[in-house]
N, C-alpha and C. Protein backbone atom coordinates (compact mmCIF):
# COMPACT_ATOMS: atom_id res chain seq x y z
N MET A 1 17.52 11.57 35.57
CA MET A 1 16.79 11.16 34.84
C MET A 1 17.26 9.32 35.23
N ASP A 2 16.58 8.72 35.91
CA ASP A 2 17.00 7.13 36.14
C ASP A 2 17.36 6.23 34.88
N LYS A 3 18.33 5.66 34.47
CA LYS A 3 18.70 5.03 33.32
C LYS A 3 17.58 3.74 32.66
N ASN A 4 17.00 3.51 33.85
CA ASN A 4 16.32 2.58 33.60
C ASN A 4 15.04 3.38 32.75
N ILE A 5 14.19 4.74 33.29
CA ILE A 5 13.50 5.43 32.93
C ILE A 5 13.63 5.57 31.82
N GLN A 6 15.18 6.32 31.56
CA GLN A 6 15.27 6.25 30.02
C GLN A 6 15.58 5.54 28.96
N ASN A 7 15.67 4.25 29.65
CA ASN A 7 16.01 3.02 28.65
C ASN A 7 14.61 2.61 28.21
N VAL A 8 13.51 2.91 29.08
CA VAL A 8 11.95 2.24 28.66
C VAL A 8 11.39 3.36 27.81
N LEU A 9 11.60 4.80 28.16
CA LEU A 9 10.65 5.93 27.45
C LEU A 9 11.50 5.67 25.85
N ASN A 10 12.76 5.00 25.78
CA ASN A 10 13.41 5.01 24.34
C ASN A 10 12.46 4.07 23.69
N GLN A 11 12.49 3.45 24.30
CA GLN A 11 12.01 1.84 23.70
C GLN A 11 10.39 2.19 23.27
N ILE A 12 9.73 2.84 23.95
CA ILE A 12 8.13 3.08 23.79
C ILE A 12 8.09 4.34 22.87
N ASN A 13 9.14 5.30 22.48
CA ASN A 13 9.36 6.05 21.62
C ASN A 13 9.43 5.67 20.32
N LYS A 14 10.76 4.38 20.31
CA LYS A 14 10.79 3.49 19.16
C LYS A 14 9.70 2.84 19.09
N GLU A 15 8.92 2.52 19.39
CA GLU A 15 7.59 1.51 18.96
C GLU A 15 6.47 2.47 18.44
N LEU A 16 6.70 3.28 19.07
CA LEU A 16 5.84 4.40 18.78
C LEU A 16 5.79 4.99 17.80
N LYS A 17 6.93 4.80 16.79
CA LYS A 17 7.35 5.41 15.46
C LYS A 17 7.19 4.45 14.50
N VAL A 18 7.43 2.93 14.92
CA VAL A 18 6.90 1.94 14.33
C VAL A 18 5.53 1.82 13.89
N TYR A 19 4.56 1.76 15.17
CA TYR A 19 2.98 2.18 14.77
C TYR A 19 3.06 2.99 13.82
N ILE A 20 3.25 4.29 13.90
CA ILE A 20 2.88 5.50 13.00
C ILE A 20 3.42 5.37 11.96
N ASN A 21 4.20 4.38 11.67
CA ASN A 21 4.85 4.47 9.93
C ASN A 21 4.26 2.95 9.69
N GLU A 22 3.83 1.80 10.28
CA GLU A 22 3.04 0.62 9.97
C GLU A 22 1.53 1.53 9.53
N SER A 23 1.16 2.24 10.30
CA SER A 23 0.02 2.74 9.90
C SER A 23 0.00 3.68 8.98
N SER A 24 0.83 4.67 8.83
CA SER A 24 0.76 5.14 7.79
C SER A 24 0.90 5.01 6.17
N PHE A 25 1.65 3.51 6.57
CA PHE A 25 1.61 2.77 5.13
C PHE A 25 0.50 1.87 4.62
N ILE A 26 -0.21 1.76 5.92
CA ILE A 26 -1.31 1.46 5.42
C ILE A 26 -2.91 2.29 5.09
N SER A 27 -2.92 3.75 5.53
CA SER A 27 -3.42 4.78 4.77
C SER A 27 -3.35 5.78 5.85
N GLN A 28 -3.53 6.67 5.28
CA GLN A 28 -3.66 8.01 6.11
C GLN A 28 -5.05 8.09 7.15
N LYS A 29 -6.16 7.72 7.21
CA LYS A 29 -7.25 7.05 7.91
C LYS A 29 -6.50 6.02 8.92
N CYS A 30 -5.84 5.20 8.49
CA CYS A 30 -5.64 3.83 9.84
C CYS A 30 -4.48 4.91 10.31
N ARG A 31 -3.58 5.81 9.85
CA ARG A 31 -2.78 6.62 11.08
C ARG A 31 -3.56 7.22 12.06
N ASN A 32 -4.60 8.15 11.53
CA ASN A 32 -5.09 8.72 11.92
C ASN A 32 -6.14 7.62 13.48
N LYS A 33 -6.52 6.72 13.00
CA LYS A 33 -7.23 6.17 13.98
C LYS A 33 -6.52 5.37 15.25
N MET A 34 -4.99 5.62 14.63
CA MET A 34 -3.79 4.79 15.61
C MET A 34 -3.82 6.29 16.52
N LEU A 35 -3.83 7.27 15.98
CA LEU A 35 -3.33 8.66 16.74
C LEU A 35 -4.64 8.79 17.63
N SER A 36 -5.98 8.53 17.41
CA SER A 36 -7.40 8.41 18.39
C SER A 36 -6.66 7.41 19.21
N PHE A 37 -6.13 6.10 19.00
CA PHE A 37 -6.02 5.59 20.14
C PHE A 37 -5.01 5.75 21.20
N PHE A 38 -4.21 6.46 20.66
CA PHE A 38 -3.05 7.37 21.67
C PHE A 38 -3.97 8.01 22.49
N GLU A 39 -4.80 9.10 22.01
CA GLU A 39 -5.44 10.25 22.76
C GLU A 39 -6.44 9.50 23.44
N GLU A 40 -7.13 8.68 23.27
CA GLU A 40 -8.09 7.93 24.15
C GLU A 40 -7.56 7.55 25.79
N GLU A 41 -6.00 6.58 25.49
CA GLU A 41 -4.95 5.87 26.68
C GLU A 41 -4.93 6.90 27.70
N PHE A 42 -4.09 8.10 26.55
CA PHE A 42 -3.17 8.61 27.51
C PHE A 42 -3.97 9.86 28.07
N LYS A 43 -5.15 10.37 27.47
CA LYS A 43 -6.01 11.36 27.94
C LYS A 43 -5.15 13.05 27.29
N VAL A 44 -5.52 12.58 26.45
CA VAL A 44 -4.50 14.12 25.58
C VAL A 44 -5.62 14.33 24.56
N SER A 45 -5.37 15.68 24.16
CA SER A 45 -6.24 16.20 22.71
C SER A 45 -5.06 16.53 21.85
N LEU A 46 -4.47 15.55 20.74
CA LEU A 46 -3.83 16.18 19.34
C LEU A 46 -4.24 16.48 18.39
N ASP A 47 -3.35 17.32 17.86
CA ASP A 47 -4.62 18.12 16.60
C ASP A 47 -3.88 16.97 15.36
N ILE A 48 -5.16 16.09 15.62
CA ILE A 48 -4.64 15.46 14.25
C ILE A 48 -5.24 16.26 13.01
N GLY A 49 -4.33 16.20 12.20
CA GLY A 49 -4.71 16.95 10.72
C GLY A 49 -4.36 15.72 9.52
N ARG A 50 -4.06 16.44 8.78
CA ARG A 50 -3.83 15.36 7.32
C ARG A 50 -2.33 16.28 7.13
N TYR A 51 -1.79 16.04 8.03
CA TYR A 51 -0.03 16.70 8.24
C TYR A 51 0.77 14.88 7.41
N GLN A 52 1.79 15.54 6.27
CA GLN A 52 2.25 14.08 6.01
C GLN A 52 3.41 13.34 6.62
N ASN A 53 4.14 14.41 7.60
CA ASN A 53 5.10 13.65 8.64
C ASN A 53 4.34 14.22 10.10
N VAL A 54 4.41 12.67 10.86
CA VAL A 54 3.67 12.77 11.97
C VAL A 54 4.90 12.58 12.91
N ASP A 55 5.33 13.18 14.17
CA ASP A 55 6.45 12.68 15.00
C ASP A 55 5.85 12.95 16.31
N LEU A 56 5.73 11.86 17.12
CA LEU A 56 4.96 11.59 18.99
C LEU A 56 6.02 10.78 19.58
N VAL A 57 6.30 11.65 20.53
CA VAL A 57 6.83 11.26 21.23
C VAL A 57 6.71 11.49 22.83
N ILE A 58 7.13 10.36 24.15
CA ILE A 58 6.96 11.02 25.12
C ILE A 58 8.04 11.07 25.94
N LEU A 59 7.73 12.16 26.75
CA LEU A 59 8.84 13.33 26.78
C LEU A 59 9.51 12.64 28.39
N ASP A 60 10.78 13.31 28.64
CA ASP A 60 10.87 12.67 29.78
C ASP A 60 9.85 12.62 31.01
N ASP A 61 9.56 14.16 31.47
CA ASP A 61 8.35 14.40 32.35
C ASP A 61 7.25 13.69 32.51
N PHE A 62 6.95 13.09 31.15
CA PHE A 62 5.98 12.02 30.91
C PHE A 62 4.74 12.94 29.90
N THR A 63 5.22 13.97 29.44
CA THR A 63 4.78 15.02 28.74
C THR A 63 4.57 14.18 27.59
N ILE A 64 3.74 14.89 26.57
CA ILE A 64 3.87 14.13 24.90
C ILE A 64 4.39 15.46 24.05
N SER A 65 4.98 14.76 23.37
CA SER A 65 5.51 15.85 22.09
C SER A 65 4.87 15.43 20.96
N TYR A 66 4.16 16.42 20.18
CA TYR A 66 3.57 15.29 18.91
C TYR A 66 3.48 16.99 17.88
N ARG A 67 4.62 16.63 16.84
CA ARG A 67 5.15 17.28 15.84
C ARG A 67 5.52 19.01 16.57
N ASP A 68 6.17 18.64 17.56
CA ASP A 68 6.97 19.69 18.38
C ASP A 68 6.21 20.94 19.23
N ASP A 69 4.95 19.92 19.47
CA ASP A 69 4.06 20.76 20.28
C ASP A 69 4.19 20.07 21.23
N VAL A 70 4.55 19.82 22.90
CA VAL A 70 4.03 19.51 24.02
C VAL A 70 3.01 19.89 24.62
N TYR A 71 2.24 18.66 24.64
CA TYR A 71 0.95 18.31 25.48
C TYR A 71 0.67 17.57 26.96
N ILE A 72 0.08 17.95 27.94
CA ILE A 72 -0.01 17.48 29.10
C ILE A 72 -1.42 17.02 29.47
N PRO A 73 -1.23 15.35 29.56
CA PRO A 73 -2.51 14.98 29.21
C PRO A 73 -3.45 15.24 30.31
N ASP A 74 -4.68 14.96 30.36
CA ASP A 74 -5.82 15.67 31.38
C ASP A 74 -5.69 14.56 32.72
N GLU A 75 -4.81 13.51 32.74
CA GLU A 75 -4.16 13.05 33.78
C GLU A 75 -3.26 12.79 34.14
N VAL A 76 -2.18 13.46 34.57
CA VAL A 76 -0.88 13.68 34.62
C VAL A 76 -0.55 12.10 34.75
N ILE A 77 0.44 11.52 34.32
CA ILE A 77 0.66 10.65 34.49
C ILE A 77 2.12 10.72 35.56
N SER A 78 2.09 10.30 36.39
CA SER A 78 2.80 10.03 37.58
C SER A 78 4.05 8.96 37.92
N SER A 79 4.20 7.79 37.31
CA SER A 79 4.99 6.84 37.18
C SER A 79 5.52 6.24 36.31
N LEU A 80 6.31 5.76 36.13
CA LEU A 80 6.58 4.59 34.98
C LEU A 80 5.85 3.19 34.60
N GLU A 81 5.41 2.79 36.00
CA GLU A 81 4.57 1.96 36.22
C GLU A 81 3.15 2.56 35.14
N GLU A 82 2.35 3.19 35.67
CA GLU A 82 1.39 4.13 35.23
C GLU A 82 1.72 3.72 33.57
N LEU A 83 2.66 5.15 33.31
CA LEU A 83 3.15 5.28 31.44
C LEU A 83 3.09 3.58 31.16
N GLU A 84 3.60 2.68 31.74
CA GLU A 84 3.34 1.33 30.63
C GLU A 84 1.87 0.53 30.97
N GLU A 85 1.03 1.20 31.88
CA GLU A 85 0.13 0.56 32.08
C GLU A 85 -0.92 0.79 30.34
N LYS A 86 -0.90 2.69 30.43
CA LYS A 86 -1.58 3.24 29.23
C LYS A 86 -0.62 2.42 28.36
N TYR A 87 0.53 2.46 28.00
CA TYR A 87 0.86 2.31 26.56
C TYR A 87 0.85 0.62 26.10
N HIS A 88 0.97 -0.03 26.97
CA HIS A 88 0.03 -1.41 26.72
C HIS A 88 -1.19 -1.55 26.44
N ARG A 89 -2.06 -1.02 26.59
CA ARG A 89 -3.49 -0.48 26.42
C ARG A 89 -3.22 -0.41 24.94
N PHE A 90 -2.70 1.02 25.09
CA PHE A 90 -2.68 1.46 23.30
C PHE A 90 -2.25 -0.02 22.58
N GLN A 91 -0.84 -0.57 22.74
CA GLN A 91 -0.49 -0.96 22.06
C GLN A 91 -1.16 -2.16 21.64
N GLU A 92 -2.13 -2.67 22.47
CA GLU A 92 -3.25 -4.10 22.36
C GLU A 92 -3.87 -3.40 21.05
N LYS A 93 -4.63 -1.85 21.22
CA LYS A 93 -5.40 -1.43 20.43
C LYS A 93 -4.84 -1.14 18.96
N ALA A 94 -3.63 -0.92 18.81
CA ALA A 94 -2.48 -0.54 17.60
C ALA A 94 -2.36 -1.79 17.20
N ASP A 95 -1.84 -3.15 17.58
CA ASP A 95 -1.72 -4.18 17.01
C ASP A 95 -3.28 -4.54 16.56
N HIS A 96 -3.97 -4.99 17.29
CA HIS A 96 -5.53 -5.04 16.50
C HIS A 96 -5.65 -4.61 15.20
N LEU A 97 -5.46 -3.11 15.49
CA LEU A 97 -6.02 -2.41 13.97
C LEU A 97 -4.90 -3.12 13.10
N ILE A 98 -4.02 -2.87 13.58
CA ILE A 98 -2.63 -2.89 11.89
C ILE A 98 -2.82 -4.35 11.52
N LYS A 99 -3.54 -5.06 12.15
CA LYS A 99 -3.52 -6.74 11.87
C LYS A 99 -5.05 -6.29 11.04
N LYS A 100 -5.91 -5.74 11.52
CA LYS A 100 -7.08 -6.23 10.86
C LYS A 100 -7.11 -5.43 9.43
N LYS A 101 -6.13 -4.15 9.49
CA LYS A 101 -6.19 -3.43 8.23
C LYS A 101 -4.72 -3.74 7.56
N GLU A 102 -4.13 -4.89 7.57
CA GLU A 102 -2.67 -5.39 6.97
C GLU A 102 -3.09 -5.84 5.58
N ILE A 103 -1.99 -5.49 4.95
CA ILE A 103 -2.32 -5.92 3.40
C ILE A 103 -1.26 -7.23 3.06
N ASP A 104 -2.40 -8.21 2.69
CA ASP A 104 -1.76 -9.51 1.77
C ASP A 104 -1.60 -9.21 0.87
N PHE A 105 0.30 -8.88 0.95
CA PHE A 105 0.81 -9.23 -0.78
C PHE A 105 0.43 -9.76 -1.61
N ASP A 106 0.64 -11.61 -1.15
CA ASP A 106 0.75 -12.68 -1.86
C ASP A 106 -0.81 -12.58 -2.50
N SER A 107 -1.99 -12.16 -2.02
CA SER A 107 -3.20 -12.87 -2.83
C SER A 107 -3.03 -11.12 -3.54
N LYS A 108 -2.56 -10.42 -3.42
CA LYS A 108 -2.39 -8.99 -4.05
C LYS A 108 -1.67 -9.36 -4.97
N ARG A 109 -0.50 -9.84 -5.15
CA ARG A 109 0.36 -10.11 -6.31
C ARG A 109 -0.07 -11.17 -7.50
N ASN A 110 -1.32 -12.14 -6.33
CA ASN A 110 -1.32 -13.46 -7.15
C ASN A 110 -2.41 -12.48 -8.04
N PHE A 111 -3.57 -11.96 -7.47
CA PHE A 111 -4.95 -11.21 -8.24
C PHE A 111 -3.80 -10.36 -9.78
N ASN A 112 -2.93 -9.69 -9.12
CA ASN A 112 -2.44 -8.49 -10.67
C ASN A 112 -1.84 -9.51 -11.47
N HIS A 113 -1.39 -10.93 -10.65
CA HIS A 113 -0.84 -11.78 -12.08
C HIS A 113 -2.03 -12.20 -12.62
N LEU A 114 -3.45 -12.61 -12.01
CA LEU A 114 -4.34 -12.82 -12.93
C LEU A 114 -5.22 -11.85 -14.13
N ILE A 115 -4.67 -10.96 -13.42
CA ILE A 115 -5.28 -9.52 -14.26
C ILE A 115 -4.15 -9.16 -15.34
N ASN A 116 -3.12 -9.47 -14.71
CA ASN A 116 -2.14 -9.73 -16.34
C ASN A 116 -2.35 -10.39 -17.55
N LEU A 117 -2.38 -11.65 -17.07
CA LEU A 117 -2.96 -12.90 -17.65
C LEU A 117 -4.02 -12.46 -18.69
N LEU A 118 -5.54 -11.98 -18.14
CA LEU A 118 -6.41 -11.81 -18.47
C LEU A 118 -5.92 -10.73 -19.82
N PHE A 119 -5.30 -9.73 -19.67
CA PHE A 119 -4.91 -8.18 -20.39
C PHE A 119 -4.22 -9.39 -21.06
N VAL A 120 -3.61 -9.95 -21.09
CA VAL A 120 -2.30 -10.60 -22.46
C VAL A 120 -3.35 -11.46 -23.44
N ILE A 121 -4.38 -12.41 -22.70
CA ILE A 121 -5.14 -12.50 -23.92
C ILE A 121 -6.23 -11.81 -24.49
N LEU A 122 -6.63 -10.81 -23.51
CA LEU A 122 -7.73 -10.07 -24.57
C LEU A 122 -6.79 -9.24 -25.31
N ILE A 123 -5.50 -8.64 -25.43
CA ILE A 123 -4.79 -8.09 -26.31
C ILE A 123 -4.15 -9.12 -27.55
N PHE A 124 -4.54 -10.46 -27.39
CA PHE A 124 -4.11 -11.27 -28.50
C PHE A 124 -5.47 -11.05 -29.37
N LEU A 125 -6.72 -11.77 -28.51
CA LEU A 125 -7.96 -11.59 -29.29
C LEU A 125 -8.24 -10.18 -30.07
N ALA A 126 -7.77 -9.34 -29.39
CA ALA A 126 -8.04 -7.91 -30.27
C ALA A 126 -6.99 -8.22 -31.57
N ALA A 127 -5.75 -8.46 -31.47
CA ALA A 127 -4.96 -8.06 -32.43
C ALA A 127 -5.55 -9.52 -33.26
N ILE A 128 -6.19 -10.47 -33.00
CA ILE A 128 -6.59 -11.55 -34.03
C ILE A 128 -7.96 -10.88 -34.58
N GLY A 129 -8.83 -10.10 -34.00
CA GLY A 129 -9.87 -9.16 -34.46
C GLY A 129 -9.63 -7.98 -35.31
N ILE A 130 -8.53 -7.59 -35.21
CA ILE A 130 -8.06 -6.55 -36.31
C ILE A 130 -7.62 -6.98 -37.50
N PHE A 131 -6.62 -7.95 -37.52
CA PHE A 131 -5.95 -9.04 -38.23
C PHE A 131 -7.51 -9.57 -38.82
N LEU A 132 -8.21 -9.72 -38.74
CA LEU A 132 -9.47 -10.49 -39.23
C LEU A 132 -9.99 -9.70 -40.33
N LEU A 133 -10.39 -8.22 -39.62
CA LEU A 133 -10.99 -7.31 -39.96
C LEU A 133 -10.11 -6.66 -41.85
N GLY A 134 -9.15 -6.93 -41.11
CA GLY A 134 -7.60 -6.67 -42.64
C GLY A 134 -8.14 -7.52 -43.46
N VAL A 135 -7.89 -8.75 -43.23
CA VAL A 135 -8.16 -9.61 -44.41
C VAL A 135 -9.72 -9.63 -44.97
N ILE A 136 -10.53 -9.39 -44.04
CA ILE A 136 -12.03 -9.55 -44.98
C ILE A 136 -12.14 -8.59 -45.14
N ALA A 137 -11.17 -7.31 -45.24
CA ALA A 137 -11.21 -6.15 -46.32
C ALA A 137 -10.84 -6.49 -47.19
N PHE A 138 -9.68 -7.08 -47.53
CA PHE A 138 -9.34 -7.43 -48.48
C PHE A 138 -10.09 -8.76 -49.34
N LEU A 139 -10.36 -9.84 -48.85
CA LEU A 139 -11.23 -10.33 -49.35
C LEU A 139 -12.68 -9.74 -50.08
N ARG A 140 -12.86 -8.75 -49.42
CA ARG A 140 -14.20 -8.45 -49.88
C ARG A 140 -13.82 -7.34 -51.09
N GLY A 141 -12.66 -7.15 -51.19
CA GLY A 141 -12.52 -5.86 -52.41
C GLY A 141 -12.13 -4.46 -52.01
N ASN A 142 -12.27 -4.60 -50.49
CA ASN A 142 -12.37 -2.73 -49.80
C ASN A 142 -10.65 -2.90 -49.21
N TYR A 143 -10.39 -2.25 -50.73
CA TYR A 143 -8.55 -2.02 -50.92
C TYR A 143 -8.74 -1.38 -49.98
N PHE A 144 -8.76 -0.05 -49.84
CA PHE A 144 -9.01 1.40 -49.20
C PHE A 144 -8.73 0.99 -47.70
N ASP A 145 -9.83 0.16 -47.41
CA ASP A 145 -9.84 -0.09 -45.71
C ASP A 145 -8.52 -0.88 -45.91
N CYS A 146 -8.19 -1.70 -46.24
CA CYS A 146 -7.10 -2.39 -46.14
C CYS A 146 -5.73 -2.07 -45.94
N LEU A 147 -5.81 -1.08 -46.96
CA LEU A 147 -4.41 -0.09 -46.94
C LEU A 147 -4.60 1.21 -45.47
N TRP A 148 -5.61 0.93 -45.51
CA TRP A 148 -6.11 2.16 -44.35
C TRP A 148 -5.53 1.43 -42.76
N PHE A 149 -6.12 0.16 -42.92
CA PHE A 149 -5.34 -0.94 -42.12
C PHE A 149 -4.17 -1.37 -41.73
N LEU A 150 -3.54 -0.73 -42.86
CA LEU A 150 -1.79 -1.79 -43.09
C LEU A 150 -1.14 -0.27 -42.68
N PHE A 151 -1.62 1.17 -43.12
CA PHE A 151 -0.85 1.98 -43.02
C PHE A 151 -0.81 3.10 -41.90
N VAL A 152 -2.10 3.07 -41.23
CA VAL A 152 -2.50 3.86 -40.46
C VAL A 152 -2.77 3.01 -39.20
N ILE A 153 -3.62 2.27 -38.84
CA ILE A 153 -3.70 1.71 -37.76
C ILE A 153 -2.68 0.74 -37.22
N VAL A 154 -2.11 -0.25 -38.20
CA VAL A 154 -0.63 -1.34 -37.65
C VAL A 154 0.10 -0.31 -37.33
N PRO A 155 0.61 0.84 -37.72
CA PRO A 155 1.64 1.66 -37.43
C PRO A 155 1.26 2.38 -36.06
N ILE A 156 0.19 2.46 -36.02
CA ILE A 156 -0.23 3.70 -34.86
C ILE A 156 -0.19 2.39 -33.23
N ILE A 157 -0.78 1.37 -33.61
CA ILE A 157 -0.54 0.20 -32.32
C ILE A 157 0.46 -0.70 -32.15
N VAL A 158 0.74 -0.83 -33.31
CA VAL A 158 2.19 -1.90 -32.52
C VAL A 158 3.41 -1.04 -32.21
N PRO A 159 4.00 0.14 -32.12
CA PRO A 159 4.89 0.50 -31.46
C PRO A 159 4.44 0.65 -30.18
N LYS A 160 3.79 1.31 -29.93
CA LYS A 160 2.95 1.44 -28.85
C LYS A 160 2.78 0.68 -27.56
N PHE A 161 2.35 -0.61 -28.22
CA PHE A 161 2.13 -1.78 -27.29
C PHE A 161 3.36 -3.18 -27.12
N LYS A 162 3.83 -2.45 -28.33
CA LYS A 162 5.14 -3.62 -28.38
C LYS A 162 6.08 -4.29 -27.25
N ASN A 163 6.37 -2.74 -26.45
CA ASN A 163 7.07 -2.96 -24.68
C ASN A 163 6.33 -3.46 -24.45
N SER A 164 5.13 -3.08 -23.76
CA SER A 164 4.24 -3.44 -23.08
C SER A 164 4.20 -4.84 -23.01
N LEU A 165 3.39 -5.34 -24.29
CA LEU A 165 2.95 -6.46 -24.50
C LEU A 165 4.10 -7.24 -24.73
N GLN A 166 5.65 -7.12 -24.43
CA GLN A 166 6.29 -8.21 -24.12
C GLN A 166 6.53 -8.41 -22.95
N ASN A 167 6.46 -7.20 -22.24
CA ASN A 167 7.02 -7.64 -20.47
C ASN A 167 5.75 -8.01 -19.96
N ARG A 168 4.52 -7.66 -20.85
CA ARG A 168 3.30 -8.59 -19.39
C ARG A 168 3.16 -10.22 -19.92
N ILE A 169 4.22 -10.19 -21.33
CA ILE A 169 4.01 -11.63 -21.82
C ILE A 169 4.52 -12.74 -21.10
N ILE A 170 6.02 -12.03 -20.42
CA ILE A 170 7.03 -12.31 -19.78
C ILE A 170 6.66 -12.80 -18.59
N MET A 171 5.62 -11.64 -17.73
CA MET A 171 5.34 -12.16 -16.40
C MET A 171 4.40 -13.08 -16.48
N ALA A 172 3.78 -13.00 -17.27
CA ALA A 172 2.53 -14.07 -17.71
C ALA A 172 2.92 -15.69 -17.58
N LYS A 173 4.11 -15.89 -18.84
CA LYS A 173 4.74 -16.83 -19.07
C LYS A 173 5.75 -17.27 -17.32
N ASP A 174 6.38 -16.38 -16.49
CA ASP A 174 6.97 -16.80 -15.33
C ASP A 174 5.32 -17.07 -14.42
N TYR A 175 4.27 -16.58 -14.61
CA TYR A 175 3.54 -16.99 -13.27
C TYR A 175 2.51 -18.01 -13.86
N LEU A 176 2.24 -18.55 -14.85
CA LEU A 176 2.24 -19.84 -15.28
C LEU A 176 3.38 -21.13 -14.84
N ARG A 177 4.55 -20.26 -14.87
CA ARG A 177 5.32 -21.40 -14.61
C ARG A 177 5.73 -21.75 -13.36
N SER A 178 5.50 -20.81 -12.37
CA SER A 178 4.82 -20.70 -11.14
C SER A 178 4.18 -21.50 -10.40
N ILE A 179 2.80 -21.18 -11.56
CA ILE A 179 1.55 -22.43 -11.21
C ILE A 179 1.88 -23.96 -11.72
N ARG A 180 2.69 -24.08 -12.38
CA ARG A 180 2.82 -25.29 -13.09
C ARG A 180 4.20 -26.06 -11.79
N LYS A 181 4.90 -25.27 -11.10
CA LYS A 181 6.00 -26.05 -10.01
C LYS A 181 4.64 -26.12 -9.34
N LYS A 182 4.17 -25.37 -8.61
CA LYS A 182 3.40 -25.99 -7.62
C LYS A 182 2.70 -26.89 -7.86
N PHE A 183 2.17 -27.45 -8.84
CA PHE A 183 1.20 -28.67 -9.05
C PHE A 183 2.17 -30.09 -8.89
N LYS A 184 3.39 -29.75 -9.59
CA LYS A 184 4.04 -30.85 -9.79
C LYS A 184 4.62 -31.41 -8.52
C-alpha cells in the first residue's frame, strides 16, 4: 500500500472518530444522524442501532469496517480521489449538523446561575415564612404548634439544607460578583 494512501486513510479515520465522538456527546440521535450521512455518501447500509460504542473505519481496500463487520459500498470506491470526494461531502454535512446541534455552554452556565440565584431567594423567603408562622403561633398562644415547629420541623429542615444552601449561596455570590465586574 502506498504510504500517501495510508496517511490519508489514517487522517480520515481519525477525523471520523472525532465526528462520532462529538456527535455522541451531543446525543445518540445526533450520532445516528451522522452515521446516516455517512451511509448516504458512501452508499453503504450500516446497522445503526442503539449501540453504546461505535467504531467506524475505512480500510485499505476502501471497504468500511463498522463494529468489526466489514461493509462493501454499493458503488465500489476505486481511487483515493473518489474516497476523498465522498469524505468531503460527508464532512460538510457533518460539520453543518454539529454546528447546528452544538451546545452553548456559556448561556447554559448563565441560565444555571440564574436558576441557582432564584432558588436561593425562594429558600430565604420560605425560611422567613416558616419563621413568621412560628412567631405568629407563639404570639397567638398556640404553644403546641410553636413547640412542634421548634422540635420537629426545624431539626428536619436545617441539617438537610445547611450544606446545600451554603454551597448555593457561595455560587450565587460568585455569580453576582462576576456580573458586577462586567458592568464596571
